[in-house]
Protein backbone atom coordinates (compact mmCIF):
# COMPACT_ATOMS: atom_id res chain seq x y z
CA UNK A 1 -0.40 -0.10 0.07
CA UNK A 2 1.39 3.38 -1.02
CA UNK A 3 2.47 5.75 1.62
CA UNK A 4 0.57 9.12 1.40
CA UNK A 5 2.33 12.17 -0.18
CA UNK A 6 3.87 13.84 3.00
CA UNK A 7 3.63 11.10 5.41
CA UNK A 8 6.69 9.78 6.84
CA UNK A 9 7.14 6.09 6.38
CA UNK A 10 6.86 3.78 8.95
CA UNK A 11 10.47 3.16 10.55
CA UNK A 12 11.73 0.65 13.16
CA UNK A 13 14.09 2.95 14.63
CA UNK A 14 12.06 3.94 17.60
CA UNK A 15 11.48 0.12 18.21
CA UNK A 16 15.13 -0.43 17.65
CA UNK A 17 16.36 2.42 20.15
CA UNK A 18 13.83 1.51 22.89
CA UNK A 19 15.04 -2.13 22.99
CA UNK A 20 18.62 -1.39 23.02
CA UNK A 21 17.99 1.68 25.90
CA UNK A 22 19.26 -0.50 28.43
CA UNK A 23 23.13 0.04 26.71
CA UNK A 24 22.71 3.67 27.39
CA UNK A 25 21.96 3.36 31.03
CA UNK A 26 24.59 0.68 31.14
CA UNK A 27 27.33 3.49 29.70
CA UNK A 28 26.16 6.26 31.33
CA UNK A 29 26.63 3.92 34.77
CA UNK A 30 30.00 2.80 33.37
CA UNK A 31 31.10 6.37 32.85
CA UNK A 32 30.07 7.56 36.31
CA UNK A 33 31.79 4.12 37.78
CA UNK A 34 35.22 4.80 35.96
CA UNK A 35 35.12 8.37 37.00
CA UNK A 36 35.50 9.15 33.24
CA UNK A 37 33.52 12.83 33.45
CA UNK A 38 35.59 13.80 36.13
CA UNK A 39 38.64 12.74 34.80
CA UNK A 40 38.07 14.58 31.33
CA UNK A 41 36.79 17.95 33.28
CA UNK A 42 40.38 17.66 35.06
CA UNK A 43 41.72 17.54 31.37
CA UNK A 44 42.58 14.00 30.73
CA UNK A 45 41.19 13.90 27.34
CA UNK A 46 42.60 11.26 25.17
CA UNK A 47 41.82 7.37 25.04
CA UNK A 48 45.52 6.42 26.36
CA UNK A 49 45.21 8.79 29.05
CA UNK A 50 41.71 8.14 30.17
CA UNK A 51 42.62 4.24 30.23
CA UNK A 52 45.52 5.20 32.27
CA UNK A 53 43.52 7.59 34.84
CA UNK A 54 40.86 5.21 35.00
CA UNK A 55 42.48 1.87 35.19
CA UNK A 56 40.55 0.63 32.17
CA UNK A 57 41.69 -1.10 28.94
CA UNK A 58 42.03 1.59 26.10
CA UNK A 59 39.91 -0.35 23.60
CA UNK A 60 36.82 -0.07 26.42
CA UNK A 61 37.46 3.54 27.46
CA UNK A 62 37.37 4.38 23.22
CA UNK A 63 34.00 2.49 22.40
CA UNK A 64 32.61 3.74 25.87
CA UNK A 65 33.46 7.25 25.48
CA UNK A 66 32.72 7.43 21.79
CA UNK A 67 29.10 5.99 23.01
CA UNK A 68 28.57 8.67 25.33
CA UNK A 69 29.39 11.13 22.67
CA UNK A 70 26.76 9.72 20.37
CA UNK A 71 24.12 9.91 23.65
CA UNK A 72 25.17 13.58 24.06
CA UNK A 73 26.93 13.38 27.23
CA UNK A 74 30.74 14.07 25.81
CA UNK A 75 32.14 16.23 22.68
CA UNK A 76 35.02 14.86 20.35
CA UNK A 77 37.37 16.67 18.36
CA UNK A 78 40.66 15.60 16.83
CA UNK A 79 40.85 12.36 18.74
CA UNK A 80 39.93 14.49 22.12
CA UNK A 81 36.72 14.48 24.76
CA UNK A 82 35.30 17.08 26.32
CA UNK A 83 32.27 17.79 28.69
CA UNK A 84 28.93 19.05 27.55
CA UNK A 85 27.90 21.50 29.84
CA UNK A 86 25.42 19.32 31.20
CA UNK A 87 28.11 16.81 32.12
CA UNK A 88 30.33 19.38 33.45
CA UNK A 89 27.77 20.59 36.13
CA UNK A 90 26.13 17.25 37.00
CA UNK A 91 28.67 14.42 36.02
CA UNK A 92 31.90 15.83 37.20
CA UNK A 93 32.37 14.72 40.74
CA UNK A 94 34.14 17.76 41.34
CA UNK A 95 31.00 20.04 40.73
CA UNK A 96 29.01 21.16 43.46
CA UNK A 97 25.87 20.12 41.49
CA UNK A 98 27.26 16.69 40.88
CA UNK A 99 24.47 14.11 40.47
CA UNK A 100 26.53 11.47 39.96
CA UNK A 101 25.88 9.47 42.99
CA UNK A 102 22.30 9.33 41.80
CA UNK A 103 23.27 6.37 39.53
CA UNK A 104 23.65 4.34 42.92
CA UNK A 105 20.04 4.23 43.51
CA UNK A 106 18.48 4.76 40.09
CA UNK A 107 20.25 1.53 38.30
CA UNK A 108 20.38 -0.70 41.40
CA UNK A 109 20.97 -4.14 39.75
CA UNK A 110 17.82 -5.65 41.42
CA UNK A 111 15.28 -2.98 40.16
CA UNK A 112 16.82 -2.97 36.61
CA UNK A 113 16.76 -6.67 36.34
CA UNK A 114 13.05 -6.85 37.79
CA UNK A 115 11.71 -4.23 35.30
CA UNK A 116 12.86 -6.80 32.66
CA UNK A 117 9.87 -8.98 33.76
CA UNK A 118 7.37 -6.15 33.78
CA UNK A 119 4.88 -7.92 31.69
CA UNK A 120 4.76 -10.76 34.69
CA UNK A 121 4.02 -7.77 37.07
CA UNK A 122 1.08 -6.30 34.67
CA UNK A 123 -0.42 -9.82 34.43
CA UNK A 124 -0.78 -10.47 38.09
CA UNK A 125 -1.10 -6.74 39.24
CA UNK A 126 2.10 -7.06 41.65
CA UNK A 127 5.28 -5.05 41.87
CA UNK A 128 7.88 -6.66 39.81
CA UNK A 129 10.19 -6.30 43.28
CA UNK A 130 9.91 -8.98 45.54
CA UNK A 131 7.02 -8.77 48.37
CA UNK A 132 5.48 -5.43 48.73
CA UNK A 133 7.97 -3.66 46.40
CA UNK A 134 9.61 -0.72 47.56
CA UNK A 135 6.94 -0.32 50.34
CA UNK A 136 7.86 -3.25 52.59
CA UNK A 137 9.26 -2.49 55.93
CA UNK A 138 12.60 -1.62 56.51
CA UNK A 139 13.48 -2.10 52.62
CA UNK A 140 17.16 -1.31 52.54
CA UNK A 141 16.69 0.36 49.09
CA UNK A 142 15.90 3.39 50.80
CA UNK A 143 19.35 3.54 52.60
CA UNK A 144 20.75 3.77 49.29
CA UNK A 145 17.93 6.18 48.37
CA UNK A 146 19.20 8.46 51.08
CA UNK A 147 23.06 7.90 50.53
CA UNK A 148 22.73 8.72 46.38
CA UNK A 149 19.92 11.01 45.97
CA UNK A 150 20.57 14.15 47.99
CA UNK A 151 22.50 16.08 45.27
CA UNK A 152 19.23 15.64 43.11
CA UNK A 153 17.31 17.06 45.40
CA UNK A 154 19.01 20.13 46.71
CA UNK A 155 18.33 22.26 43.97
CA UNK A 156 14.54 21.38 44.70
CA UNK A 157 14.94 22.11 48.37
CA UNK A 158 16.31 25.64 47.77
CA UNK A 159 13.31 26.35 46.01
CA UNK A 160 10.88 24.86 48.16
CA UNK A 161 12.70 26.98 51.19
CA UNK A 162 12.38 30.13 49.15
CA UNK A 163 8.45 29.57 48.47
CA UNK A 164 7.59 29.05 52.08
CA UNK A 165 9.95 32.12 52.96
CA UNK A 166 12.49 30.22 55.43
CA UNK A 167 14.26 32.80 55.85
CA UNK A 168 11.97 35.12 57.56
CA UNK A 169 12.77 33.22 60.52
CA UNK A 170 9.68 32.33 62.19
CA UNK A 171 9.67 30.02 64.94
CA UNK A 172 8.36 26.56 62.96
CA UNK A 173 7.85 23.29 64.33
CA UNK A 174 8.85 21.17 61.01
CA UNK A 175 7.48 17.33 60.54
CA UNK A 176 9.40 15.92 57.62
CA UNK A 177 7.68 12.45 56.55
CA UNK A 178 9.82 9.85 54.98
CA UNK A 179 12.68 12.38 55.47
CA UNK A 180 15.14 9.96 53.47
CA UNK A 181 18.52 11.96 53.49
CA UNK A 182 16.78 14.83 55.04
CA UNK A 183 17.58 17.29 52.37
CA UNK A 184 14.28 19.14 52.54
CA UNK A 185 13.92 19.67 56.24
CA UNK A 186 17.55 20.40 56.59
CA UNK A 187 17.30 23.09 54.10
CA UNK A 188 14.57 24.80 55.87
CA UNK A 189 16.63 24.75 59.23
CA UNK A 190 19.64 26.39 57.18
CA UNK A 191 17.65 29.09 55.79
CA UNK A 192 15.59 29.38 59.26
CA UNK A 193 17.76 29.26 62.59
CA UNK A 194 14.39 29.32 64.52
CA UNK A 195 13.26 25.96 62.95
CA UNK A 196 13.13 22.62 64.60
CA UNK A 197 12.75 19.61 62.14
CA UNK A 198 11.36 16.19 63.34
CA UNK A 199 12.56 14.00 60.65
CA UNK A 200 10.30 10.82 60.26
CA UNK A 201 11.96 7.50 58.47
CA UNK A 202 13.03 4.08 59.20
CA UNK A 203 15.70 4.25 61.95
CA UNK A 204 18.55 3.05 59.44
CA UNK A 205 17.61 5.53 56.84
CA UNK A 206 17.37 8.19 59.36
CA UNK A 207 21.36 7.47 60.28
CA UNK A 208 22.04 9.04 56.83
CA UNK A 209 19.63 12.15 57.20
CA UNK A 210 21.63 13.09 60.83
CA UNK A 211 24.72 12.58 58.79
CA UNK A 212 23.56 15.05 56.56
CA UNK A 213 22.45 17.37 59.31
CA UNK A 214 25.56 17.12 60.73
CA UNK A 215 27.37 18.32 57.73
CA UNK A 216 25.06 21.25 57.41
CA UNK A 217 25.52 22.53 61.01
CA UNK A 218 21.81 21.96 62.03
CA UNK A 219 22.33 18.51 63.60
CA UNK A 220 20.87 19.95 67.08
CA UNK A 221 17.82 21.14 65.34
CA UNK A 222 16.98 17.76 63.77
CA UNK A 223 15.31 15.35 65.76
CA UNK A 224 14.27 11.50 64.94
CA UNK A 225 10.77 9.98 64.85
CA UNK A 226 11.86 6.37 63.48
CA UNK A 227 9.32 4.12 62.18
CA UNK A 228 6.59 3.76 59.92
CA UNK A 229 4.95 7.11 58.87
CA UNK A 230 1.34 5.17 59.32
CA UNK A 231 2.17 3.70 62.79
CA UNK A 232 4.95 6.41 64.48
CA UNK A 233 3.12 8.83 66.68
CA UNK A 234 3.88 12.45 64.78
CA UNK A 235 2.59 14.39 68.02
CA UNK A 236 1.05 17.92 67.43
CA UNK A 237 1.62 21.32 66.94
CA UNK A 238 3.61 21.18 63.51
CA UNK A 239 3.62 24.63 61.67
CA UNK A 240 4.96 22.87 58.23
CA UNK A 241 4.53 19.23 57.37
CA UNK A 242 6.69 18.22 54.76
CA UNK A 243 5.43 15.23 52.40
CA UNK A 244 8.10 14.83 49.81
CA UNK A 245 8.20 12.05 47.08
CA UNK A 246 5.89 9.68 49.16
CA UNK A 247 2.04 9.47 48.34
CA UNK A 248 2.77 8.61 45.01
CA UNK A 249 3.74 4.89 46.56
CA UNK A 250 0.06 4.29 47.64
CA UNK A 251 -3.38 3.99 46.24
CA UNK A 252 -5.82 7.08 47.46
CA UNK A 253 -7.72 5.60 50.53
CA UNK A 254 -4.30 5.15 52.06
CA UNK A 255 -3.28 8.41 51.42
CA UNK A 256 -6.37 10.11 52.60
CA UNK A 257 -5.73 7.96 55.88
CA UNK A 258 -2.13 9.31 56.13
CA UNK A 259 -3.52 13.00 55.35
CA UNK A 260 -6.16 12.89 58.22
CA UNK A 261 -3.20 11.81 60.69
CA UNK A 262 -1.49 14.59 59.42
CA UNK A 263 -4.25 17.00 59.44
CA UNK A 264 -4.60 16.02 63.24
CA UNK A 265 -0.86 16.76 63.83
CA UNK A 266 -0.83 20.31 62.68
CA UNK A 267 -0.80 23.53 64.52
CA UNK A 268 -3.64 26.17 63.93
CA UNK A 269 -2.98 27.54 60.29
CA UNK A 270 -0.48 25.02 59.73
CA UNK A 271 0.81 24.29 56.10
CA UNK A 272 1.09 20.77 54.37
CA UNK A 273 3.67 20.86 51.72
CA UNK A 274 3.44 17.98 49.26
CA UNK A 275 6.47 17.17 46.87
CA UNK A 276 5.41 14.98 43.89
CA UNK A 277 5.36 14.81 39.86
CA UNK A 278 2.01 15.60 38.75
CA UNK A 279 1.00 14.81 35.25
CA UNK A 280 -1.94 16.92 33.29
CA UNK A 281 -5.16 15.01 32.96
CA UNK A 282 -4.18 13.47 29.93
CA UNK A 283 -1.60 11.29 31.85
CA UNK A 284 1.03 11.65 29.08
CA UNK A 285 2.11 15.09 29.38
CA UNK A 286 4.51 16.62 31.04
CA UNK A 287 6.70 13.98 29.67
CA UNK A 288 8.77 13.29 33.09
CA UNK A 289 5.79 13.57 35.18
CA UNK A 290 3.31 11.34 33.38
CA UNK A 291 6.33 8.83 32.82
CA UNK A 292 6.74 8.42 36.30
CA UNK A 293 3.70 6.28 36.45
CA UNK A 294 5.59 3.50 35.14
CA UNK A 295 8.41 3.68 37.91
CA UNK A 296 5.39 3.20 40.32
CA UNK A 297 4.04 0.19 38.27
CA UNK A 298 6.79 -1.99 38.94
CA UNK A 299 7.95 -0.89 42.37
CA UNK A 300 4.86 -0.80 44.40
CA UNK A 301 1.73 -2.73 44.53
CA UNK A 302 -0.97 0.30 43.91
CA UNK A 303 1.03 3.80 43.65
CA UNK A 304 0.80 6.07 40.57
CA UNK A 305 1.61 9.55 39.38
CA UNK A 306 -1.47 11.39 40.54
CA UNK A 307 -3.06 14.14 38.55
CA UNK A 308 -4.06 17.68 40.43
CA UNK A 309 -7.31 16.50 40.55
CA UNK A 310 -6.91 13.35 42.24
CA UNK A 311 -4.94 15.14 44.92
CA UNK A 312 -7.65 17.91 45.22
CA UNK A 313 -9.81 15.07 46.12
CA UNK A 314 -7.43 12.96 48.28
CA UNK A 315 -6.75 16.32 50.23
CA UNK A 316 -10.52 17.46 50.45
CA UNK A 317 -11.79 13.79 51.53
CA UNK A 318 -8.97 14.10 54.43
CA UNK A 319 -10.55 17.58 55.53
CA UNK A 320 -8.16 20.11 53.83
CA UNK A 321 -10.05 22.91 52.28
CA UNK A 322 -7.32 25.25 50.38
CA UNK A 323 -4.58 23.25 47.80
CA UNK A 324 -2.17 25.14 45.87
CA UNK A 325 -0.42 23.89 43.08
CA UNK A 326 2.87 25.28 42.11
CA UNK A 327 5.27 23.69 39.50
CA UNK A 328 9.05 23.37 40.49
CA UNK A 329 11.12 25.52 38.33
CA UNK A 330 14.32 23.19 38.50
CA UNK A 331 12.55 19.89 37.78
CA UNK A 332 9.75 17.92 36.87
CA UNK A 333 8.02 18.17 39.73
CA UNK A 334 5.35 20.51 41.38
CA UNK A 335 4.54 21.45 45.07
CA UNK A 336 1.20 20.95 46.48
CA UNK A 337 0.74 23.65 49.64
CA UNK A 338 -2.61 22.59 51.56
CA UNK A 339 -4.34 24.07 54.48
CA UNK A 340 -7.22 23.04 56.53
């Protein structure tokens, strides 16, 4: 059958590229593990020099660096490699904004391997990870998350601190639910010397958060609430409650139960700050937020990327009357500011 004039012929390119997409992930992880980006940033820019610096075989370095150039992470001219602006900022480990450590969590071998069996999870309605997936009690992946992901979250935490006007210095009691690396509560404590932060998470995860608080000089104002967010006693009188990258792990009824618990812990006039990926109602835009639903499909029994209207319903059912959605400028996330 003839192709209509002006209509592109069908091409298998997207199929081929997507089925081979794991190679791009592997190449980037290898570049980070071998410290290729830092080496090139230091001026080690030929195959021979990189092989020596990275303690690797020349053939492997040549093919890897050429592939990273094809992917757009490097440039190449006259046999010498250089970092792109993005790679210089986010992959050179000397950069204050380096996110190289995120590969530790985002490419965990068990998670990557599990996703290769995604069809089985779709058939059964269960996560491809074992048991309850990422929400199983004391899951060690959250220690890796806490150690790996803080650099990616710091710019978002800084933007959150600005939105909340933390620098105004009001006396705050802050509850940081599923604190992980602790970056969000720590940012508020840094900008507001009158903020006391109560970080809730599994005990081993909180060890990492406290290391980060100590490094930031705010350890004395960060307090631990170890345990399951659904079971641990929060206390009351919180001016700010942070719920960052957490609600997407659960179904709406479960979230509503937690939000009612949070509402009871708020001081009069208190604010709940939710950070999450919030796709449009079509669930395919914006790309990064909408695509996050796939992560939840593979890692949780019932999690999802919820739309603004779904969050509105959950908060309303939990007794909140005001929800202000604000896109985060530095990432694909959104902030939801909610009051009773």
